[in-house]
Amino acid sequence: GEPGEVMRLAETARPTPGDGQVLLRVRAANINFPDALLCRGR
């Protein structure tokens, strides 16, 4: 749905890296139009 309606902030465990992945502490996250499309499922 629309980002402002379907995004929910929650307390959760840190994700566990899979093969070939690393865990990163997020210092900054840029917002892109695809983020809205992801929320909409488009």
PDB file of all heavy atoms in Angstrom:
ATOM      1  N   GLY A   1       0.835  -1.193   0.000  1.00  0.00           N
ATOM      2  CA  GLY A   1       0.000   0.000   0.000  1.00  0.00           C
ATOM      3  C   GLY A   1       0.867   1.239   0.000  1.00  0.00           C
ATOM      4  O   GLY A   1       2.071   1.177  -0.282  1.00  0.00           O
ATOM      5  N   GLU A   2       0.279   2.374   0.323  1.00  0.00           N
ATOM      6  CA  GLU A   2       1.043   3.615   0.371  1.00  0.00           C
ATOM      7  C   GLU A   2       2.016   3.586   1.551  1.00  0.00           C
ATOM      8  O   GLU A   2       1.660   3.117   2.642  1.00  0.00           O
ATOM      9  CB  GLU A   2       0.109   4.811   0.496  1.00  0.00           C
ATOM     10  CG  GLU A   2      -0.659   5.115  -0.782  1.00  0.00           C
ATOM     11  CD  GLU A   2       0.288   5.400  -1.937  1.00  0.00           C
ATOM     12  OE1 GLU A   2       1.078   6.362  -1.847  1.00  0.00           O
ATOM     13  OE2 GLU A   2       0.232   4.654  -2.943  1.00  0.00           O
ATOM     14  N   PRO A   3       3.251   4.069   1.344  1.00  0.00           N
ATOM     15  CA  PRO A   3       4.277   3.980   2.393  1.00  0.00           C
ATOM     16  C   PRO A   3       3.826   4.527   3.749  1.00  0.00           C
ATOM     17  O   PRO A   3       4.084   3.906   4.792  1.00  0.00           O
ATOM     18  CB  PRO A   3       5.430   4.809   1.822  1.00  0.00           C
ATOM     19  CG  PRO A   3       5.240   4.737   0.349  1.00  0.00           C
ATOM     20  CD  PRO A   3       3.761   4.700   0.119  1.00  0.00           C
ATOM     21  N   GLY A   4       3.174   5.677   3.728  1.00  0.00           N
ATOM     22  CA  GLY A   4       2.746   6.280   4.989  1.00  0.00           C
ATOM     23  C   GLY A   4       1.716   5.463   5.744  1.00  0.00           C
ATOM     24  O   GLY A   4       1.498   5.685   6.937  1.00  0.00           O
ATOM     25  N   GLU A   5       1.093   4.506   5.057  1.00  0.00           N
ATOM     26  CA  GLU A   5       0.056   3.688   5.679  1.00  0.00           C
ATOM     27  C   GLU A   5       0.546   2.295   6.059  1.00  0.00           C
ATOM     28  O   GLU A   5       0.028   1.704   7.021  1.00  0.00           O
ATOM     29  CB  GLU A   5      -1.145   3.561   4.740  1.00  0.00           C
ATOM     30  CG  GLU A   5      -1.804   4.889   4.394  1.00  0.00           C
ATOM     31  CD  GLU A   5      -2.883   4.733   3.336  1.00  0.00           C
ATOM     32  OE1 GLU A   5      -3.096   3.598   2.856  1.00  0.00           O
ATOM     33  OE2 GLU A   5      -3.508   5.756   2.987  1.00  0.00           O
ATOM     34  N   VAL A   6       1.507   1.745   5.318  1.00  0.00           N
ATOM     35  CA  VAL A   6       1.880   0.343   5.535  1.00  0.00           C
ATOM     36  C   VAL A   6       3.226   0.153   6.215  1.00  0.00           C
ATOM     37  O   VAL A   6       3.549  -0.964   6.645  1.00  0.00           O
ATOM     38  CB  VAL A   6       1.865  -0.441   4.202  1.00  0.00           C
ATOM     39  CG1 VAL A   6       0.478  -0.390   3.575  1.00  0.00           C
ATOM     40  CG2 VAL A   6       2.922   0.075   3.232  1.00  0.00           C
ATOM     41  N   MET A   7       4.039   1.199   6.341  1.00  0.00           N
ATOM     42  CA  MET A   7       5.310   1.068   7.053  1.00  0.00           C
ATOM     43  C   MET A   7       5.073   1.186   8.553  1.00  0.00           C
ATOM     44  O   MET A   7       4.410   2.110   9.016  1.00  0.00           O
ATOM     45  CB  MET A   7       6.303   2.136   6.582  1.00  0.00           C
ATOM     46  CG  MET A   7       6.833   1.907   5.179  1.00  0.00           C
ATOM     47  SD  MET A   7       7.959   3.220   4.598  1.00  0.00           S
ATOM     48  CE  MET A   7       9.303   3.116   5.813  1.00  0.00           C
ATOM     49  N   ARG A   8       5.618   0.235   9.313  1.00  0.00           N
ATOM     50  CA  ARG A   8       5.452   0.209  10.767  1.00  0.00           C
ATOM     51  C   ARG A   8       6.809   0.048  11.439  1.00  0.00           C
ATOM     52  O   ARG A   8       7.585  -0.852  11.090  1.00  0.00           O
ATOM     53  CB  ARG A   8       4.545  -0.950  11.186  1.00  0.00           C
ATOM     54  CG  ARG A   8       3.113  -0.841  10.658  1.00  0.00           C
ATOM     55  CD  ARG A   8       2.342   0.249  11.403  1.00  0.00           C
ATOM     56  NE  ARG A   8       0.954   0.340  10.939  1.00  0.00           N
ATOM     57  CZ  ARG A   8       0.542   1.142   9.970  1.00  0.00           C
ATOM     58  NH1 ARG A   8       1.439   1.920   9.358  1.00  0.00           N
ATOM     59  NH2 ARG A   8      -0.727   1.181   9.617  1.00  0.00           N
ATOM     60  N   LEU A   9       7.110   0.930  12.411  1.00  0.00           N
ATOM     61  CA  LEU A   9       8.381   0.867  13.130  1.00  0.00           C
ATOM     62  C   LEU A   9       8.267  -0.122  14.282  1.00  0.00           C
ATOM     63  O   LEU A   9       7.303  -0.085  15.053  1.00  0.00           O
ATOM     64  CB  LEU A   9       8.737   2.254  13.668  1.00  0.00           C
ATOM     65  CG  LEU A   9      10.117   2.420  14.300  1.00  0.00           C
ATOM     66  CD1 LEU A   9      11.231   2.091  13.299  1.00  0.00           C
ATOM     67  CD2 LEU A   9      10.290   3.840  14.838  1.00  0.00           C
ATOM     68  N   ALA A  10       9.242  -1.015  14.385  1.00  0.00           N
ATOM     69  CA  ALA A  10       9.173  -2.063  15.408  1.00  0.00           C
ATOM     70  C   ALA A  10      10.547  -2.366  15.979  1.00  0.00           C
ATOM     71  O   ALA A  10      11.581  -2.101  15.351  1.00  0.00           O
ATOM     72  CB  ALA A  10       8.588  -3.338  14.800  1.00  0.00           C
ATOM     73  N   GLU A  11      10.541  -2.916  17.198  1.00  0.00           N
ATOM     74  CA  GLU A  11      11.764  -3.452  17.792  1.00  0.00           C
ATOM     75  C   GLU A  11      11.929  -4.886  17.311  1.00  0.00           C
ATOM     76  O   GLU A  11      10.973  -5.671  17.355  1.00  0.00           O
ATOM     77  CB  GLU A  11      11.677  -3.429  19.320  1.00  0.00           C
ATOM     78  CG  GLU A  11      11.783  -2.042  19.939  1.00  0.00           C
ATOM     79  CD  GLU A  11      13.206  -1.504  19.940  1.00  0.00           C
ATOM     80  OE1 GLU A  11      14.138  -2.318  19.719  1.00  0.00           O
ATOM     81  OE2 GLU A  11      13.372  -0.289  20.147  1.00  0.00           O
ATOM     82  N   THR A  12      13.103  -5.215  16.833  1.00  0.00           N
ATOM     83  CA  THR A  12      13.332  -6.541  16.273  1.00  0.00           C
ATOM     84  C   THR A  12      14.787  -6.933  16.459  1.00  0.00           C
ATOM     85  O   THR A  12      15.624  -6.099  16.812  1.00  0.00           O
ATOM     86  CB  THR A  12      12.962  -6.564  14.776  1.00  0.00           C
ATOM     87  OG1 THR A  12      13.051  -7.885  14.261  1.00  0.00           O
ATOM     88  CG2 THR A  12      13.851  -5.644  13.967  1.00  0.00           C
ATOM     89  N   ALA A  13      15.083  -8.182  16.230  1.00  0.00           N
ATOM     90  CA  ALA A  13      16.464  -8.650  16.358  1.00  0.00           C
ATOM     91  C   ALA A  13      17.280  -8.223  15.140  1.00  0.00           C
ATOM     92  O   ALA A  13      16.732  -8.011  14.050  1.00  0.00           O
ATOM     93  CB  ALA A  13      16.484 -10.173  16.480  1.00  0.00           C
ATOM     94  N   ARG A  14      18.576  -8.091  15.333  1.00  0.00           N
ATOM     95  CA  ARG A  14      19.442  -7.804  14.194  1.00  0.00           C
ATOM     96  C   ARG A  14      19.366  -8.960  13.198  1.00  0.00           C
ATOM     97  O   ARG A  14      19.287 -10.123  13.594  1.00  0.00           O
ATOM     98  CB  ARG A  14      20.890  -7.644  14.647  1.00  0.00           C
ATOM     99  CG  ARG A  14      21.159  -6.460  15.559  1.00  0.00           C
ATOM    100  CD  ARG A  14      22.640  -6.410  15.917  1.00  0.00           C
ATOM    101  NE  ARG A  14      22.923  -5.391  16.914  1.00  0.00           N
ATOM    102  CZ  ARG A  14      24.116  -5.176  17.443  1.00  0.00           C
ATOM    103  NH1 ARG A  14      25.149  -5.931  17.062  1.00  0.00           N
ATOM    104  NH2 ARG A  14      24.301  -4.230  18.349  1.00  0.00           N
ATOM    105  N   PRO A  15      19.409  -8.651  11.913  1.00  0.00           N
ATOM    106  CA  PRO A  15      19.382  -9.730  10.909  1.00  0.00           C
ATOM    107  C   PRO A  15      20.680 -10.524  10.929  1.00  0.00           C
ATOM    108  O   PRO A  15      21.742 -10.000  11.287  1.00  0.00           O
ATOM    109  CB  PRO A  15      19.199  -8.981   9.591  1.00  0.00           C
ATOM    110  CG  PRO A  15      19.760  -7.620   9.842  1.00  0.00           C
ATOM    111  CD  PRO A  15      19.436  -7.312  11.281  1.00  0.00           C
ATOM    112  N   THR A  16      20.586 -11.785  10.573  1.00  0.00           N
ATOM    113  CA  THR A  16      21.760 -12.667  10.548  1.00  0.00           C
ATOM    114  C   THR A  16      22.263 -12.802   9.120  1.00  0.00           C
ATOM    115  O   THR A  16      21.504 -13.200   8.221  1.00  0.00           O
ATOM    116  CB  THR A  16      21.403 -14.058  11.094  1.00  0.00           C
ATOM    117  OG1 THR A  16      20.915 -13.917  12.433  1.00  0.00           O
ATOM    118  CG2 THR A  16      22.613 -14.974  11.069  1.00  0.00           C
ATOM    119  N   PRO A  17      23.532 -12.483   8.873  1.00  0.00           N
ATOM    120  CA  PRO A  17      24.055 -12.570   7.499  1.00  0.00           C
ATOM    121  C   PRO A  17      24.012 -14.001   6.968  1.00  0.00           C
ATOM    122  O   PRO A  17      24.287 -14.964   7.685  1.00  0.00           O
ATOM    123  CB  PRO A  17      25.503 -12.082   7.638  1.00  0.00           C
ATOM    124  CG  PRO A  17      25.522 -11.291   8.910  1.00  0.00           C
ATOM    125  CD  PRO A  17      24.534 -11.956   9.817  1.00  0.00           C
ATOM    126  N   GLY A  18      23.661 -14.126   5.682  1.00  0.00           N
ATOM    127  CA  GLY A  18      23.726 -15.407   4.998  1.00  0.00           C
ATOM    128  C   GLY A  18      25.071 -15.568   4.327  1.00  0.00           C
ATOM    129  O   GLY A  18      25.998 -14.768   4.543  1.00  0.00           O
ATOM    130  N   ASP A  19      25.220 -16.568   3.508  1.00  0.00           N
ATOM    131  CA  ASP A  19      26.481 -16.806   2.805  1.00  0.00           C
ATOM    132  C   ASP A  19      26.833 -15.601   1.935  1.00  0.00           C
ATOM    133  O   ASP A  19      26.017 -15.123   1.144  1.00  0.00           O
ATOM    134  CB  ASP A  19      26.375 -18.050   1.926  1.00  0.00           C
ATOM    135  CG  ASP A  19      26.279 -19.330   2.736  1.00  0.00           C
ATOM    136  OD1 ASP A  19      26.654 -19.297   3.922  1.00  0.00           O
ATOM    137  OD2 ASP A  19      25.822 -20.353   2.181  1.00  0.00           O
ATOM    138  N   GLY A  20      28.047 -15.107   2.100  1.00  0.00           N
ATOM    139  CA  GLY A  20      28.515 -13.988   1.295  1.00  0.00           C
ATOM    140  C   GLY A  20      27.979 -12.642   1.707  1.00  0.00           C
ATOM    141  O   GLY A  20      28.241 -11.638   1.031  1.00  0.00           O
ATOM    142  N   GLN A  21      27.246 -12.581   2.833  1.00  0.00           N
ATOM    143  CA  GLN A  21      26.676 -11.319   3.286  1.00  0.00           C
ATOM    144  C   GLN A  21      27.414 -10.783   4.506  1.00  0.00           C
ATOM    145  O   GLN A  21      28.131 -11.513   5.195  1.00  0.00           O
ATOM    146  CB  GLN A  21      25.196 -11.487   3.635  1.00  0.00           C
ATOM    147  CG  GLN A  21      24.298 -11.811   2.460  1.00  0.00           C
ATOM    148  CD  GLN A  21      22.843 -11.905   2.866  1.00  0.00           C
ATOM    149  OE1 GLN A  21      22.511 -12.281   4.004  1.00  0.00           O
ATOM    150  NE2 GLN A  21      21.948 -11.565   1.939  1.00  0.00           N
ATOM    151  N   VAL A  22      27.245  -9.476   4.744  1.00  0.00           N
ATOM    152  CA  VAL A  22      27.812  -8.844   5.935  1.00  0.00           C
ATOM    153  C   VAL A  22      26.723  -8.036   6.630  1.00  0.00           C
ATOM    154  O   VAL A  22      25.770  -7.574   6.003  1.00  0.00           O
ATOM    155  CB  VAL A  22      28.990  -7.915   5.578  1.00  0.00           C
ATOM    156  CG1 VAL A  22      30.179  -8.716   5.063  1.00  0.00           C
ATOM    157  CG2 VAL A  22      28.572  -6.868   4.562  1.00  0.00           C
ATOM    158  N   LEU A  23      26.889  -7.871   7.938  1.00  0.00           N
ATOM    159  CA  LEU A  23      26.008  -7.024   8.732  1.00  0.00           C
ATOM    160  C   LEU A  23      26.586  -5.622   8.737  1.00  0.00           C
ATOM    161  O   LEU A  23      27.780  -5.426   8.988  1.00  0.00           O
ATOM    162  CB  LEU A  23      25.898  -7.555  10.159  1.00  0.00           C
ATOM    163  CG  LEU A  23      25.025  -6.755  11.134  1.00  0.00           C
ATOM    164  CD1 LEU A  23      23.550  -6.894  10.756  1.00  0.00           C
ATOM    165  CD2 LEU A  23      25.259  -7.210  12.570  1.00  0.00           C
ATOM    166  N   LEU A  24      25.748  -4.628   8.447  1.00  0.00           N
ATOM    167  CA  LEU A  24      26.191  -3.240   8.425  1.00  0.00           C
ATOM    168  C   LEU A  24      25.379  -2.405   9.400  1.00  0.00           C
ATOM    169  O   LEU A  24      24.153  -2.530   9.463  1.00  0.00           O
ATOM    170  CB  LEU A  24      26.027  -2.639   7.025  1.00  0.00           C
ATOM    171  CG  LEU A  24      26.831  -3.268   5.889  1.00  0.00           C
ATOM    172  CD1 LEU A  24      26.446  -2.616   4.562  1.00  0.00           C
ATOM    173  CD2 LEU A  24      28.331  -3.126   6.134  1.00  0.00           C
ATOM    174  N   ARG A  25      26.067  -1.562  10.170  1.00  0.00           N
ATOM    175  CA  ARG A  25      25.351  -0.557  10.944  1.00  0.00           C
ATOM    176  C   ARG A  25      25.010   0.577   9.983  1.00  0.00           C
ATOM    177  O   ARG A  25      25.877   1.085   9.285  1.00  0.00           O
ATOM    178  CB  ARG A  25      26.202  -0.016  12.092  1.00  0.00           C
ATOM    179  CG  ARG A  25      25.460   1.041  12.922  1.00  0.00           C
ATOM    180  CD  ARG A  25      26.263   1.513  14.110  1.00  0.00           C
ATOM    181  NE  ARG A  25      27.393   2.343  13.729  1.00  0.00           N
ATOM    182  CZ  ARG A  25      27.326   3.644  13.455  1.00  0.00           C
ATOM    183  NH1 ARG A  25      26.150   4.267  13.476  1.00  0.00           N
ATOM    184  NH2 ARG A  25      28.405   4.322  13.159  1.00  0.00           N
ATOM    185  N   VAL A  26      23.754   0.939   9.934  1.00  0.00           N
ATOM    186  CA  VAL A  26      23.303   1.966   8.995  1.00  0.00           C
ATOM    187  C   VAL A  26      23.659   3.342   9.549  1.00  0.00           C
ATOM    188  O   VAL A  26      23.181   3.757  10.596  1.00  0.00           O
ATOM    189  CB  VAL A  26      21.786   1.862   8.745  1.00  0.00           C
ATOM    190  CG1 VAL A  26      21.335   2.982   7.800  1.00  0.00           C
ATOM    191  CG2 VAL A  26      21.428   0.492   8.174  1.00  0.00           C
ATOM    192  N   ARG A  27      24.510   4.039   8.822  1.00  0.00           N
ATOM    193  CA  ARG A  27      24.869   5.408   9.189  1.00  0.00           C
ATOM    194  C   ARG A  27      23.904   6.404   8.548  1.00  0.00           C
ATOM    195  O   ARG A  27      23.589   7.447   9.135  1.00  0.00           O
ATOM    196  CB  ARG A  27      26.301   5.704   8.759  1.00  0.00           C
ATOM    197  CG  ARG A  27      27.358   4.826   9.430  1.00  0.00           C
ATOM    198  CD  ARG A  27      28.743   5.077   8.857  1.00  0.00           C
ATOM    199  NE  ARG A  27      29.222   6.400   9.175  1.00  0.00           N
ATOM    200  CZ  ARG A  27      30.167   6.672  10.095  1.00  0.00           C
ATOM    201  NH1 ARG A  27      30.725   5.680  10.792  1.00  0.00           N
ATOM    202  NH2 ARG A  27      30.558   7.907  10.313  1.00  0.00           N
ATOM    203  N   ALA A  28      23.437   6.093   7.336  1.00  0.00           N
ATOM    204  CA  ALA A  28      22.452   6.930   6.635  1.00  0.00           C
ATOM    205  C   ALA A  28      21.828   6.096   5.527  1.00  0.00           C
ATOM    206  O   ALA A  28      22.498   5.279   4.900  1.00  0.00           O
ATOM    207  CB  ALA A  28      23.114   8.175   6.049  1.00  0.00           C
ATOM    208  N   ALA A  29      20.537   6.300   5.286  1.00  0.00           N
ATOM    209  CA  ALA A  29      19.816   5.559   4.251  1.00  0.00           C
ATOM    210  C   ALA A  29      19.089   6.555   3.358  1.00  0.00           C
ATOM    211  O   ALA A  29      18.213   7.297   3.824  1.00  0.00           O
ATOM    212  CB  ALA A  29      18.822   4.584   4.875  1.00  0.00           C
ATOM    213  N   ASN A  30      19.454   6.579   2.086  1.00  0.00           N
ATOM    214  CA  ASN A  30      18.816   7.496   1.145  1.00  0.00           C
ATOM    215  C   ASN A  30      17.473   6.932   0.677  1.00  0.00           C
ATOM    216  O   ASN A  30      17.353   5.735   0.434  1.00  0.00           O
ATOM    217  CB  ASN A  30      19.742   7.718  -0.055  1.00  0.00           C
ATOM    218  CG  ASN A  30      19.129   8.641  -1.078  1.00  0.00           C
ATOM    219  OD1 ASN A  30      18.601   9.694  -0.738  1.00  0.00           O
ATOM    220  ND2 ASN A  30      19.182   8.246  -2.333  1.00  0.00           N
ATOM    221  N   ILE A  31      16.486   7.804   0.548  1.00  0.00           N
ATOM    222  CA  ILE A  31      15.167   7.386   0.064  1.00  0.00           C
ATOM    223  C   ILE A  31      15.123   7.500  -1.452  1.00  0.00           C
ATOM    224  O   ILE A  31      15.455   8.539  -2.015  1.00  0.00           O
ATOM    225  CB  ILE A  31      14.052   8.242   0.694  1.00  0.00           C
ATOM    226  CG1 ILE A  31      14.045   8.066   2.213  1.00  0.00           C
ATOM    227  CG2 ILE A  31      12.688   7.859   0.113  1.00  0.00           C
ATOM    228  CD1 ILE A  31      13.065   8.968   2.934  1.00  0.00           C
ATOM    229  N   ASN A  32      14.726   6.427  -2.101  1.00  0.00           N
ATOM    230  CA  ASN A  32      14.569   6.382  -3.550  1.00  0.00           C
ATOM    231  C   ASN A  32      13.113   6.111  -3.897  1.00  0.00           C
ATOM    232  O   ASN A  32      12.386   5.476  -3.125  1.00  0.00           O
ATOM    233  CB  ASN A  32      15.434   5.268  -4.146  1.00  0.00           C
ATOM    234  CG  ASN A  32      16.908   5.605  -4.147  1.00  0.00           C
ATOM    235  OD1 ASN A  32      17.442   6.125  -5.115  1.00  0.00           O
ATOM    236  ND2 ASN A  32      17.590   5.303  -3.039  1.00  0.00           N
ATOM    237  N   PHE A  33      12.699   6.532  -5.094  1.00  0.00           N
ATOM    238  CA  PHE A  33      11.329   6.245  -5.536  1.00  0.00           C
ATOM    239  C   PHE A  33      11.030   4.745  -5.531  1.00  0.00           C
ATOM    240  O   PHE A  33       9.902   4.344  -5.203  1.00  0.00           O
ATOM    241  CB  PHE A  33      11.088   6.838  -6.926  1.00  0.00           C
ATOM    242  CG  PHE A  33       9.651   6.802  -7.353  1.00  0.00           C
ATOM    243  CD1 PHE A  33       8.698   7.608  -6.757  1.00  0.00           C
ATOM    244  CD2 PHE A  33       9.235   5.938  -8.357  1.00  0.00           C
ATOM    245  CE1 PHE A  33       7.362   7.571  -7.153  1.00  0.00           C
ATOM    246  CE2 PHE A  33       7.913   5.886  -8.757  1.00  0.00           C
ATOM    247  CZ  PHE A  33       6.972   6.701  -8.149  1.00  0.00           C
ATOM    248  N   PRO A  34      12.008   3.872  -5.856  1.00  0.00           N
ATOM    249  CA  PRO A  34      11.733   2.430  -5.758  1.00  0.00           C
ATOM    250  C   PRO A  34      11.303   1.974  -4.368  1.00  0.00           C
ATOM    251  O   PRO A  34      10.615   0.952  -4.248  1.00  0.00           O
ATOM    252  CB  PRO A  34      13.065   1.792  -6.168  1.00  0.00           C
ATOM    253  CG  PRO A  34      13.636   2.758  -7.146  1.00  0.00           C
ATOM    254  CD  PRO A  34      13.279   4.116  -6.572  1.00  0.00           C
ATOM    255  N   ASP A  35      11.687   2.710  -3.319  1.00  0.00           N
ATOM    256  CA  ASP A  35      11.223   2.332  -1.980  1.00  0.00           C
ATOM    257  C   ASP A  35       9.704   2.436  -1.890  1.00  0.00           C
ATOM    258  O   ASP A  35       9.040   1.595  -1.269  1.00  0.00           O
ATOM    259  CB  ASP A  35      11.883   3.218  -0.912  1.00  0.00           C
ATOM    260  CG  ASP A  35      13.371   2.946  -0.774  1.00  0.00           C
ATOM    261  OD1 ASP A  35      13.750   1.771  -0.686  1.00  0.00           O
ATOM    262  OD2 ASP A  35      14.151   3.913  -0.766  1.00  0.00           O
ATOM    263  N   ALA A  36       9.153   3.471  -2.521  1.00  0.00           N
ATOM    264  CA  ALA A  36       7.694   3.612  -2.550  1.00  0.00           C
ATOM    265  C   ALA A  36       7.067   2.505  -3.383  1.00  0.00           C
ATOM    266  O   ALA A  36       6.033   1.935  -3.005  1.00  0.00           O
ATOM    267  CB  ALA A  36       7.314   4.978  -3.105  1.00  0.00           C
ATOM    268  N   LEU A  37       7.709   2.187  -4.519  1.00  0.00           N
ATOM    269  CA  LEU A  37       7.184   1.117  -5.367  1.00  0.00           C
ATOM    270  C   LEU A  37       7.229  -0.224  -4.644  1.00  0.00           C
ATOM    271  O   LEU A  37       6.323  -1.050  -4.797  1.00  0.00           O
ATOM    272  CB  LEU A  37       7.980   1.046  -6.665  1.00  0.00           C
ATOM    273  CG  LEU A  37       7.871   2.263  -7.601  1.00  0.00           C
ATOM    274  CD1 LEU A  37       8.723   2.048  -8.838  1.00  0.00           C
ATOM    275  CD2 LEU A  37       6.422   2.526  -7.991  1.00  0.00           C
ATOM    276  N   LEU A  38       8.269  -0.457  -3.858  1.00  0.00           N
ATOM    277  CA  LEU A  38       8.357  -1.692  -3.071  1.00  0.00           C
ATOM    278  C   LEU A  38       7.190  -1.775  -2.093  1.00  0.00           C
ATOM    279  O   LEU A  38       6.561  -2.831  -1.944  1.00  0.00           O
ATOM    280  CB  LEU A  38       9.685  -1.742  -2.315  1.00  0.00           C
ATOM    281  CG  LEU A  38      10.922  -2.135  -3.115  1.00  0.00           C
ATOM    282  CD1 LEU A  38      12.185  -1.802  -2.337  1.00  0.00           C
ATOM    283  CD2 LEU A  38      10.893  -3.625  -3.451  1.00  0.00           C
ATOM    284  N   CYS A  39       6.906  -0.661  -1.423  1.00  0.00           N
ATOM    285  CA  CYS A  39       5.775  -0.652  -0.481  1.00  0.00           C
ATOM    286  C   CYS A  39       4.463  -0.950  -1.199  1.00  0.00           C
ATOM    287  O   CYS A  39       3.593  -1.651  -0.668  1.00  0.00           O
ATOM    288  CB  CYS A  39       5.689   0.698   0.226  1.00  0.00           C
ATOM    289  SG  CYS A  39       7.032   1.038   1.396  1.00  0.00           S
ATOM    290  N   ARG A  40       4.332  -0.440  -2.420  1.00  0.00           N
ATOM    291  CA  ARG A  40       3.101  -0.638  -3.185  1.00  0.00           C
ATOM    292  C   ARG A  40       3.029  -2.007  -3.853  1.00  0.00           C
ATOM    293  O   ARG A  40       2.000  -2.379  -4.404  1.00  0.00           O
ATOM    294  CB  ARG A  40       2.994   0.446  -4.254  1.00  0.00           C
ATOM    295  CG  ARG A  40       2.800   1.851  -3.707  1.00  0.00           C
ATOM    296  CD  ARG A  40       3.010   2.901  -4.790  1.00  0.00           C
ATOM    297  NE  ARG A  40       2.732   4.258  -4.317  1.00  0.00           N
ATOM    298  CZ  ARG A  40       3.072   5.360  -4.970  1.00  0.00           C
ATOM    299  NH1 ARG A  40       3.701   5.262  -6.142  1.00  0.00           N
ATOM    300  NH2 ARG A  40       2.789   6.549  -4.477  1.00  0.00           N
ATOM    301  N   GLY A  41       4.155  -2.735  -3.851  1.00  0.00           N
ATOM    302  CA  GLY A  41       4.196  -4.021  -4.533  1.00  0.00           C
ATOM    303  C   GLY A  41       4.288  -3.885  -6.035  1.00  0.00           C
ATOM    304  O   GLY A  41       3.894  -4.788  -6.777  1.00  0.00           O
ATOM    305  N   ARG A  42       4.859  -2.782  -6.504  1.00  0.00           N
ATOM    306  CA  ARG A  42       4.900  -2.493  -7.937  1.00  0.00           C
ATOM    307  C   ARG A  42       6.322  -2.398  -8.480  1.00  0.00           C
ATOM    308  O   ARG A  42       6.533  -1.889  -9.577  1.00  0.00           O
ATOM    309  CB  ARG A  42       4.152  -1.187  -8.236  1.00  0.00           C
ATOM    310  CG  ARG A  42       2.675  -1.244  -7.894  1.00  0.00           C
ATOM    311  CD  ARG A  42       2.021   0.106  -8.148  1.00  0.00           C
ATOM    312  NE  ARG A  42       0.621   0.100  -7.721  1.00  0.00           N
ATOM    313  CZ  ARG A  42      -0.143   1.189  -7.683  1.00  0.00           C
ATOM    314  NH1 ARG A  42       0.374   2.360  -8.049  1.00  0.00           N
ATOM    315  NH2 ARG A  42      -1.401   1.113  -7.283  1.00  0.00           N
TER     316      ARG A  42
END
